[in-house]
């Protein structure tokens, strides 16, 4: 990471002993690297509002840190910065996110928390990508989703690093979700009953109040719509 834990600790100790304005400025400058690191992880870039939220977290850490708790300042600052950025994202994330992208964002969140707990400092983006089996650029694009329209996210870059036995790659999950999103509610129900619950067309028709022939027509149109997505 751009700032090492011991560097931030030393800068904090200098400020704690002197309480001088110059040492405070040095501490804020050292912590800025941590702010930028978390902003890149959680937004896929350096969005100014997210940076400002991270800076507010850093200032809270400086004001509230209690050395007697036997927790490193860098660890405490990481949690404060991360917390403020995530609070900002919860308020501002207003665009649709496919389920697989939400899941990936949550997995990033949990992994970062785990590493901070174990090491006291956040992981590099490359380490996150390797741990979650997603290409680095895929993690970056996924973390943008919600803050920007899905049209602005390059979904094609969200890909697995390697294939795992008996697990659908994230790129295939996204493609399937995009295809299902094109369907009407009735069409999704037909697909769900036929392919996820393994019901027959007759059984599906009884559940939906349709004839077997009507179910067949809905299925045909549904598969046509989904095929259009897979051809893109």
C-alpha atoms as a PDB file:
ATOM      1  CA  UNK A   1       0.000   0.000   0.000  1.00  0.00           C
ATOM      2  CA  UNK A   2       1.174   3.591  -0.576  1.00  0.00           C
ATOM      3  CA  UNK A   3       1.382   4.319   3.154  1.00  0.00           C
ATOM      4  CA  UNK A   4       2.833   1.819   5.595  1.00  0.00           C
ATOM      5  CA  UNK A   5       1.287   1.327   9.005  1.00  0.00           C
ATOM      6  CA  UNK A   6       4.474   2.250  10.878  1.00  0.00           C
ATOM      7  CA  UNK A   7       4.778   5.531   8.957  1.00  0.00           C
ATOM      8  CA  UNK A   8       1.280   6.572   9.945  1.00  0.00           C
ATOM      9  CA  UNK A   9       1.884   5.458  13.539  1.00  0.00           C
ATOM     10  CA  UNK A  10       5.067   7.528  13.787  1.00  0.00           C
ATOM     11  CA  UNK A  11       3.337  10.582  12.336  1.00  0.00           C
ATOM     12  CA  UNK A  12       0.465  10.195  14.783  1.00  0.00           C
ATOM     13  CA  UNK A  13       2.840   9.842  17.744  1.00  0.00           C
ATOM     14  CA  UNK A  14       4.641  13.051  16.722  1.00  0.00           C
ATOM     15  CA  UNK A  15       1.337  14.919  16.660  1.00  0.00           C
ATOM     16  CA  UNK A  16       0.202  13.381  19.959  1.00  0.00           C
ATOM     17  CA  UNK A  17       3.365  14.511  21.729  1.00  0.00           C
ATOM     18  CA  UNK A  18       3.505  18.023  20.282  1.00  0.00           C
ATOM     19  CA  UNK A  19      -0.120  18.888  19.375  1.00  0.00           C
ATOM     20  CA  UNK A  20       1.522  21.286  16.939  1.00  0.00           C
ATOM     21  CA  UNK A  21      -0.347  22.508  13.873  1.00  0.00           C
ATOM     22  CA  UNK A  22       2.521  21.440  11.639  1.00  0.00           C
ATOM     23  CA  UNK A  23       2.436  17.874  12.963  1.00  0.00           C
ATOM     24  CA  UNK A  24      -1.350  17.793  12.519  1.00  0.00           C
ATOM     25  CA  UNK A  25      -0.901  18.813   8.892  1.00  0.00           C
ATOM     26  CA  UNK A  26       1.704  16.066   8.421  1.00  0.00           C
ATOM     27  CA  UNK A  27      -0.701  13.526   9.925  1.00  0.00           C
ATOM     28  CA  UNK A  28      -3.546  14.597   7.636  1.00  0.00           C
ATOM     29  CA  UNK A  29      -1.220  14.405   4.631  1.00  0.00           C
ATOM     30  CA  UNK A  30      -0.046  10.919   5.619  1.00  0.00           C
ATOM     31  CA  UNK A  31      -3.644   9.806   6.161  1.00  0.00           C
ATOM     32  CA  UNK A  32      -4.662  11.176   2.755  1.00  0.00           C
ATOM     33  CA  UNK A  33      -2.942   8.226   1.122  1.00  0.00           C
ATOM     34  CA  UNK A  34      -5.120   5.900   3.169  1.00  0.00           C
ATOM     35  CA  UNK A  35      -8.224   7.897   2.190  1.00  0.00           C
ATOM     36  CA  UNK A  36      -7.343   7.602  -1.498  1.00  0.00           C
ATOM     37  CA  UNK A  37      -6.657   3.893  -1.170  1.00  0.00           C
ATOM     38  CA  UNK A  38     -10.109   3.185   0.305  1.00  0.00           C
ATOM     39  CA  UNK A  39     -11.818   5.497  -2.185  1.00  0.00           C
ATOM     40  CA  UNK A  40     -10.291   3.555  -5.078  1.00  0.00           C
ATOM     41  CA  UNK A  41     -11.414   0.260  -3.557  1.00  0.00           C
ATOM     42  CA  UNK A  42     -14.986   1.325  -2.843  1.00  0.00           C
ATOM     43  CA  UNK A  43     -15.760   3.529  -5.855  1.00  0.00           C
ATOM     44  CA  UNK A  44     -13.460   2.198  -8.557  1.00  0.00           C
ATOM     45  CA  UNK A  45     -11.888   5.653  -8.833  1.00  0.00           C
ATOM     46  CA  UNK A  46     -11.346   8.894  -6.938  1.00  0.00           C
ATOM     47  CA  UNK A  47     -14.817  10.434  -6.783  1.00  0.00           C
ATOM     48  CA  UNK A  48     -14.440  13.785  -5.038  1.00  0.00           C
ATOM     49  CA  UNK A  49     -17.478  13.373  -2.749  1.00  0.00           C
ATOM     50  CA  UNK A  50     -16.233   9.948  -1.651  1.00  0.00           C
ATOM     51  CA  UNK A  51     -12.773  11.403  -1.019  1.00  0.00           C
ATOM     52  CA  UNK A  52     -14.318  14.126   1.117  1.00  0.00           C
ATOM     53  CA  UNK A  53     -16.238  11.520   3.117  1.00  0.00           C
ATOM     54  CA  UNK A  54     -13.010   9.595   3.667  1.00  0.00           C
ATOM     55  CA  UNK A  55     -11.272  12.770   4.859  1.00  0.00           C
ATOM     56  CA  UNK A  56     -14.070  13.344   7.355  1.00  0.00           C
ATOM     57  CA  UNK A  57     -13.466   9.802   8.606  1.00  0.00           C
ATOM     58  CA  UNK A  58      -9.766  10.543   9.011  1.00  0.00           C
ATOM     59  CA  UNK A  59     -10.473  13.697  11.028  1.00  0.00           C
ATOM     60  CA  UNK A  60     -12.886  11.755  13.238  1.00  0.00           C
ATOM     61  CA  UNK A  61     -10.164   9.172  13.829  1.00  0.00           C
ATOM     62  CA  UNK A  62      -7.679  11.874  14.834  1.00  0.00           C
ATOM     63  CA  UNK A  63     -10.167  13.454  17.260  1.00  0.00           C
ATOM     64  CA  UNK A  64     -11.493  10.243  18.797  1.00  0.00           C
ATOM     65  CA  UNK A  65      -8.553   7.839  18.853  1.00  0.00           C
ATOM     66  CA  UNK A  66      -7.747   6.471  22.302  1.00  0.00           C
ATOM     67  CA  UNK A  67      -4.179   5.085  22.501  1.00  0.00           C
ATOM     68  CA  UNK A  68      -5.046   3.263  25.730  1.00  0.00           C
ATOM     69  CA  UNK A  69      -7.300   0.864  23.791  1.00  0.00           C
ATOM     70  CA  UNK A  70      -4.157  -0.838  22.448  1.00  0.00           C
ATOM     71  CA  UNK A  71      -5.309  -0.578  18.849  1.00  0.00           C
ATOM     72  CA  UNK A  72      -2.982   0.879  16.222  1.00  0.00           C
ATOM     73  CA  UNK A  73      -3.970   4.316  14.962  1.00  0.00           C
ATOM     74  CA  UNK A  74      -3.744   3.096  11.351  1.00  0.00           C
ATOM     75  CA  UNK A  75      -6.258   0.333  12.134  1.00  0.00           C
ATOM     76  CA  UNK A  76      -8.659   2.718  13.854  1.00  0.00           C
ATOM     77  CA  UNK A  77      -8.284   5.301  11.068  1.00  0.00           C
ATOM     78  CA  UNK A  78      -8.950   2.618   8.458  1.00  0.00           C
ATOM     79  CA  UNK A  79     -12.268   1.723  10.077  1.00  0.00           C
ATOM     80  CA  UNK A  80     -13.303   5.381  10.390  1.00  0.00           C
ATOM     81  CA  UNK A  81     -12.390   6.210   6.789  1.00  0.00           C
ATOM     82  CA  UNK A  82     -14.023   3.066   5.473  1.00  0.00           C
ATOM     83  CA  UNK A  83     -17.147   3.705   7.541  1.00  0.00           C
ATOM     84  CA  UNK A  84     -17.616   7.234   6.237  1.00  0.00           C
ATOM     85  CA  UNK A  85     -17.104   6.199   2.609  1.00  0.00           C
ATOM     86  CA  UNK A  86     -19.581   3.328   2.962  1.00  0.00           C
ATOM     87  CA  UNK A  87     -22.098   5.668   4.607  1.00  0.00           C
ATOM     88  CA  UNK A  88     -21.733   8.007   1.623  1.00  0.00           C
ATOM     89  CA  UNK A  89     -22.228   5.120  -0.803  1.00  0.00           C
ATOM     90  CA  UNK A  90     -25.395   3.925   0.948  1.00  0.00           C
ATOM     91  CA  UNK A  91     -26.858   7.414   0.558  1.00  0.00           C
ATOM     92  CA  UNK A  92     -25.773   7.993  -3.022  1.00  0.00           C
ATOM     93  CA  UNK A  93     -26.002   4.561  -4.663  1.00  0.00           C
ATOM     94  CA  UNK A  94     -29.303   4.919  -6.494  1.00  0.00           C
ATOM     95  CA  UNK A  95     -28.795   2.973  -9.729  1.00  0.00           C
ATOM     96  CA  UNK A  96     -29.768  -0.621 -10.412  1.00  0.00           C
ATOM     97  CA  UNK A  97     -27.150  -3.296  -9.642  1.00  0.00           C
ATOM     98  CA  UNK A  98     -27.514  -6.918 -10.774  1.00  0.00           C
ATOM     99  CA  UNK A  99     -27.466  -9.437  -7.949  1.00  0.00           C
ATOM    100  CA  UNK A 100     -24.020 -10.763  -8.899  1.00  0.00           C
ATOM    101  CA  UNK A 101     -22.530  -7.270  -8.695  1.00  0.00           C
ATOM    102  CA  UNK A 102     -24.147  -6.647  -5.293  1.00  0.00           C
ATOM    103  CA  UNK A 103     -22.732  -9.950  -4.116  1.00  0.00           C
ATOM    104  CA  UNK A 104     -19.245  -9.051  -5.379  1.00  0.00           C
ATOM    105  CA  UNK A 105     -19.383  -5.665  -3.650  1.00  0.00           C
ATOM    106  CA  UNK A 106     -20.359  -7.361  -0.391  1.00  0.00           C
ATOM    107  CA  UNK A 107     -17.534  -9.884  -0.789  1.00  0.00           C
ATOM    108  CA  UNK A 108     -15.044  -7.044  -1.313  1.00  0.00           C
ATOM    109  CA  UNK A 109     -16.374  -5.379   1.832  1.00  0.00           C
ATOM    110  CA  UNK A 110     -16.034  -8.549   3.918  1.00  0.00           C
ATOM    111  CA  UNK A 111     -12.546  -9.310   2.610  1.00  0.00           C
ATOM    112  CA  UNK A 112     -11.254  -5.800   3.341  1.00  0.00           C
ATOM    113  CA  UNK A 113     -12.700  -6.008   6.870  1.00  0.00           C
ATOM    114  CA  UNK A 114     -11.065  -9.396   7.396  1.00  0.00           C
ATOM    115  CA  UNK A 115      -7.621  -8.230   6.245  1.00  0.00           C
ATOM    116  CA  UNK A 116      -7.744  -5.072   8.383  1.00  0.00           C
ATOM    117  CA  UNK A 117      -8.669  -7.194  11.394  1.00  0.00           C
ATOM    118  CA  UNK A 118      -5.780  -9.576  10.743  1.00  0.00           C
ATOM    119  CA  UNK A 119      -3.069  -7.157   9.579  1.00  0.00           C
ATOM    120  CA  UNK A 120      -4.184  -3.721  10.683  1.00  0.00           C
ATOM    121  CA  UNK A 121      -4.080  -2.259   7.160  1.00  0.00           C
ATOM    122  CA  UNK A 122      -6.176  -2.689   4.020  1.00  0.00           C
ATOM    123  CA  UNK A 123      -5.204  -4.995   1.151  1.00  0.00           C
ATOM    124  CA  UNK A 124      -4.093  -3.885  -2.295  1.00  0.00           C
ATOM    125  CA  UNK A 125      -6.639  -4.057  -5.094  1.00  0.00           C
ATOM    126  CA  UNK A 126      -4.639  -6.839  -6.752  1.00  0.00           C
ATOM    127  CA  UNK A 127      -4.828  -8.909  -3.572  1.00  0.00           C
ATOM    128  CA  UNK A 128      -8.593  -8.413  -3.367  1.00  0.00           C
ATOM    129  CA  UNK A 129      -8.999  -9.504  -6.980  1.00  0.00           C
ATOM    130  CA  UNK A 130      -6.899 -12.635  -6.453  1.00  0.00           C
ATOM    131  CA  UNK A 131      -8.741 -13.587  -3.269  1.00  0.00           C
ATOM    132  CA  UNK A 132     -12.171 -13.173  -4.885  1.00  0.00           C
ATOM    133  CA  UNK A 133     -11.196 -14.729  -8.224  1.00  0.00           C
ATOM    134  CA  UNK A 134     -12.115 -11.661 -10.271  1.00  0.00           C
ATOM    135  CA  UNK A 135      -9.872  -9.673 -12.603  1.00  0.00           C
ATOM    136  CA  UNK A 136      -8.637  -6.366 -11.157  1.00  0.00           C
ATOM    137  CA  UNK A 137     -10.463  -4.277 -13.745  1.00  0.00           C
ATOM    138  CA  UNK A 138     -13.572  -6.325 -13.021  1.00  0.00           C
ATOM    139  CA  UNK A 139     -13.434  -5.369  -9.343  1.00  0.00           C
ATOM    140  CA  UNK A 140     -12.981  -1.705 -10.321  1.00  0.00           C
ATOM    141  CA  UNK A 141     -15.984  -1.781 -12.655  1.00  0.00           C
ATOM    142  CA  UNK A 142     -18.168  -3.657 -10.154  1.00  0.00           C
ATOM    143  CA  UNK A 143     -17.467  -1.140  -7.401  1.00  0.00           C
ATOM    144  CA  UNK A 144     -18.648   1.706  -9.674  1.00  0.00           C
ATOM    145  CA  UNK A 145     -22.070   0.107 -10.061  1.00  0.00           C
ATOM    146  CA  UNK A 146     -24.755   1.852  -8.073  1.00  0.00           C
ATOM    147  CA  UNK A 147     -22.992   5.208  -8.117  1.00  0.00           C
ATOM    148  CA  UNK A 148     -23.296   5.397 -11.896  1.00  0.00           C
ATOM    149  CA  UNK A 149     -25.786   3.949 -14.346  1.00  0.00           C
ATOM    150  CA  UNK A 150     -25.169   0.356 -15.378  1.00  0.00           C
ATOM    151  CA  UNK A 151     -24.726   1.686 -18.918  1.00  0.00           C
ATOM    152  CA  UNK A 152     -21.559   3.440 -17.709  1.00  0.00           C
ATOM    153  CA  UNK A 153     -20.138   0.241 -16.222  1.00  0.00           C
ATOM    154  CA  UNK A 154     -18.096  -1.930 -18.570  1.00  0.00           C
ATOM    155  CA  UNK A 155     -19.710  -5.212 -17.566  1.00  0.00           C
ATOM    156  CA  UNK A 156     -17.634  -7.165 -20.079  1.00  0.00           C
ATOM    157  CA  UNK A 157     -14.558  -6.489 -17.921  1.00  0.00           C
ATOM    158  CA  UNK A 158     -16.123  -8.195 -14.898  1.00  0.00           C
ATOM    159  CA  UNK A 159     -14.629 -11.643 -15.412  1.00  0.00           C
ATOM    160  CA  UNK A 160     -13.240 -14.481 -13.322  1.00  0.00           C
ATOM    161  CA  UNK A 161      -9.481 -14.950 -13.122  1.00  0.00           C
ATOM    162  CA  UNK A 162      -9.873 -18.710 -13.357  1.00  0.00           C
ATOM    163  CA  UNK A 163     -12.672 -21.233 -13.691  1.00  0.00           C
ATOM    164  CA  UNK A 164     -13.703 -23.232 -10.646  1.00  0.00           C
ATOM    165  CA  UNK A 165     -15.335 -26.643 -10.811  1.00  0.00           C
ATOM    166  CA  UNK A 166     -19.117 -26.668 -10.321  1.00  0.00           C
ATOM    167  CA  UNK A 167     -19.273 -22.859 -10.039  1.00  0.00           C
ATOM    168  CA  UNK A 168     -20.722 -20.537 -12.676  1.00  0.00           C
ATOM    169  CA  UNK A 169     -18.211 -17.763 -13.567  1.00  0.00           C
ATOM    170  CA  UNK A 170     -19.315 -14.269 -12.610  1.00  0.00           C
ATOM    171  CA  UNK A 171     -19.442 -13.178 -16.259  1.00  0.00           C
ATOM    172  CA  UNK A 172     -21.956 -15.951 -17.010  1.00  0.00           C
ATOM    173  CA  UNK A 173     -24.054 -15.035 -13.958  1.00  0.00           C
ATOM    174  CA  UNK A 174     -24.194 -11.428 -15.127  1.00  0.00           C
ATOM    175  CA  UNK A 175     -25.170 -12.450 -18.638  1.00  0.00           C
ATOM    176  CA  UNK A 176     -27.957 -14.641 -17.280  1.00  0.00           C
ATOM    177  CA  UNK A 177     -29.229 -11.850 -15.031  1.00  0.00           C
ATOM    178  CA  UNK A 178     -29.215  -9.399 -17.935  1.00  0.00           C
ATOM    179  CA  UNK A 179     -31.200 -11.877 -20.001  1.00  0.00           C
ATOM    180  CA  UNK A 180     -33.757 -12.464 -17.230  1.00  0.00           C
ATOM    181  CA  UNK A 181     -34.105  -8.707 -16.687  1.00  0.00           C
ATOM    182  CA  UNK A 182     -35.507  -8.388 -20.217  1.00  0.00           C
ATOM    183  CA  UNK A 183     -38.402 -10.671 -19.451  1.00  0.00           C
ATOM    184  CA  UNK A 184     -41.845  -9.773 -18.154  1.00  0.00           C
ATOM    185  CA  UNK A 185     -42.928 -10.993 -14.742  1.00  0.00           C
ATOM    186  CA  UNK A 186     -44.964 -13.794 -16.330  1.00  0.00           C
ATOM    187  CA  UNK A 187     -42.056 -14.866 -18.527  1.00  0.00           C
ATOM    188  CA  UNK A 188     -39.695 -14.996 -15.536  1.00  0.00           C
ATOM    189  CA  UNK A 189     -42.192 -17.131 -13.625  1.00  0.00           C
ATOM    190  CA  UNK A 190     -42.464 -19.568 -16.519  1.00  0.00           C
ATOM    191  CA  UNK A 191     -38.662 -19.844 -16.752  1.00  0.00           C
ATOM    192  CA  UNK A 192     -38.425 -20.279 -12.970  1.00  0.00           C
ATOM    193  CA  UNK A 193     -41.032 -23.042 -12.792  1.00  0.00           C
ATOM    194  CA  UNK A 194     -39.727 -24.930 -15.825  1.00  0.00           C
ATOM    195  CA  UNK A 195     -35.968 -24.652 -15.346  1.00  0.00           C
ATOM    196  CA  UNK A 196     -35.418 -24.007 -11.646  1.00  0.00           C
ATOM    197  CA  UNK A 197     -38.226 -26.123 -10.160  1.00  0.00           C
ATOM    198  CA  UNK A 198     -38.265 -28.668 -13.020  1.00  0.00           C
ATOM    199  CA  UNK A 199     -42.046 -28.530 -13.418  1.00  0.00           C
ATOM    200  CA  UNK A 200     -43.707 -29.666 -16.646  1.00  0.00           C
ATOM    201  CA  UNK A 201     -45.504 -27.203 -18.897  1.00  0.00           C
ATOM    202  CA  UNK A 202     -48.826 -28.624 -17.713  1.00  0.00           C
ATOM    203  CA  UNK A 203     -47.889 -28.198 -14.023  1.00  0.00           C
ATOM    204  CA  UNK A 204     -46.630 -24.677 -14.718  1.00  0.00           C
ATOM    205  CA  UNK A 205     -49.877 -23.840 -16.475  1.00  0.00           C
ATOM    206  CA  UNK A 206     -51.923 -24.968 -13.464  1.00  0.00           C
ATOM    207  CA  UNK A 207     -49.895 -22.724 -11.144  1.00  0.00           C
ATOM    208  CA  UNK A 208     -50.291 -19.721 -13.437  1.00  0.00           C
ATOM    209  CA  UNK A 209     -53.834 -20.352 -14.635  1.00  0.00           C
ATOM    210  CA  UNK A 210     -52.711 -20.956 -18.212  1.00  0.00           C
ATOM    211  CA  UNK A 211     -53.137 -23.760 -20.696  1.00  0.00           C
ATOM    212  CA  UNK A 212     -50.150 -25.905 -21.628  1.00  0.00           C
ATOM    213  CA  UNK A 213     -50.145 -24.308 -25.098  1.00  0.00           C
ATOM    214  CA  UNK A 214     -50.097 -20.816 -23.592  1.00  0.00           C
ATOM    215  CA  UNK A 215     -47.124 -21.790 -21.398  1.00  0.00           C
ATOM    216  CA  UNK A 216     -45.363 -23.102 -24.502  1.00  0.00           C
ATOM    217  CA  UNK A 217     -45.890 -19.790 -26.317  1.00  0.00           C
ATOM    218  CA  UNK A 218     -44.628 -17.780 -23.333  1.00  0.00           C
ATOM    219  CA  UNK A 219     -41.585 -20.048 -23.088  1.00  0.00           C
ATOM    220  CA  UNK A 220     -40.797 -19.639 -26.781  1.00  0.00           C
ATOM    221  CA  UNK A 221     -40.915 -15.833 -26.595  1.00  0.00           C
ATOM    222  CA  UNK A 222     -38.891 -15.834 -23.366  1.00  0.00           C
ATOM    223  CA  UNK A 223     -36.095 -17.911 -24.860  1.00  0.00           C
ATOM    224  CA  UNK A 224     -36.026 -15.675 -27.927  1.00  0.00           C
ATOM    225  CA  UNK A 225     -35.560 -12.585 -25.740  1.00  0.00           C
ATOM    226  CA  UNK A 226     -32.825 -14.251 -23.700  1.00  0.00           C
ATOM    227  CA  UNK A 227     -31.035 -15.429 -26.834  1.00  0.00           C
ATOM    228  CA  UNK A 228     -30.791 -11.816 -28.022  1.00  0.00           C
ATOM    229  CA  UNK A 229     -28.722 -10.951 -24.930  1.00  0.00           C
ATOM    230  CA  UNK A 230     -26.360 -13.896 -25.381  1.00  0.00           C
ATOM    231  CA  UNK A 231     -25.695 -12.781 -28.960  1.00  0.00           C
ATOM    232  CA  UNK A 232     -24.556  -9.293 -27.865  1.00  0.00           C
END
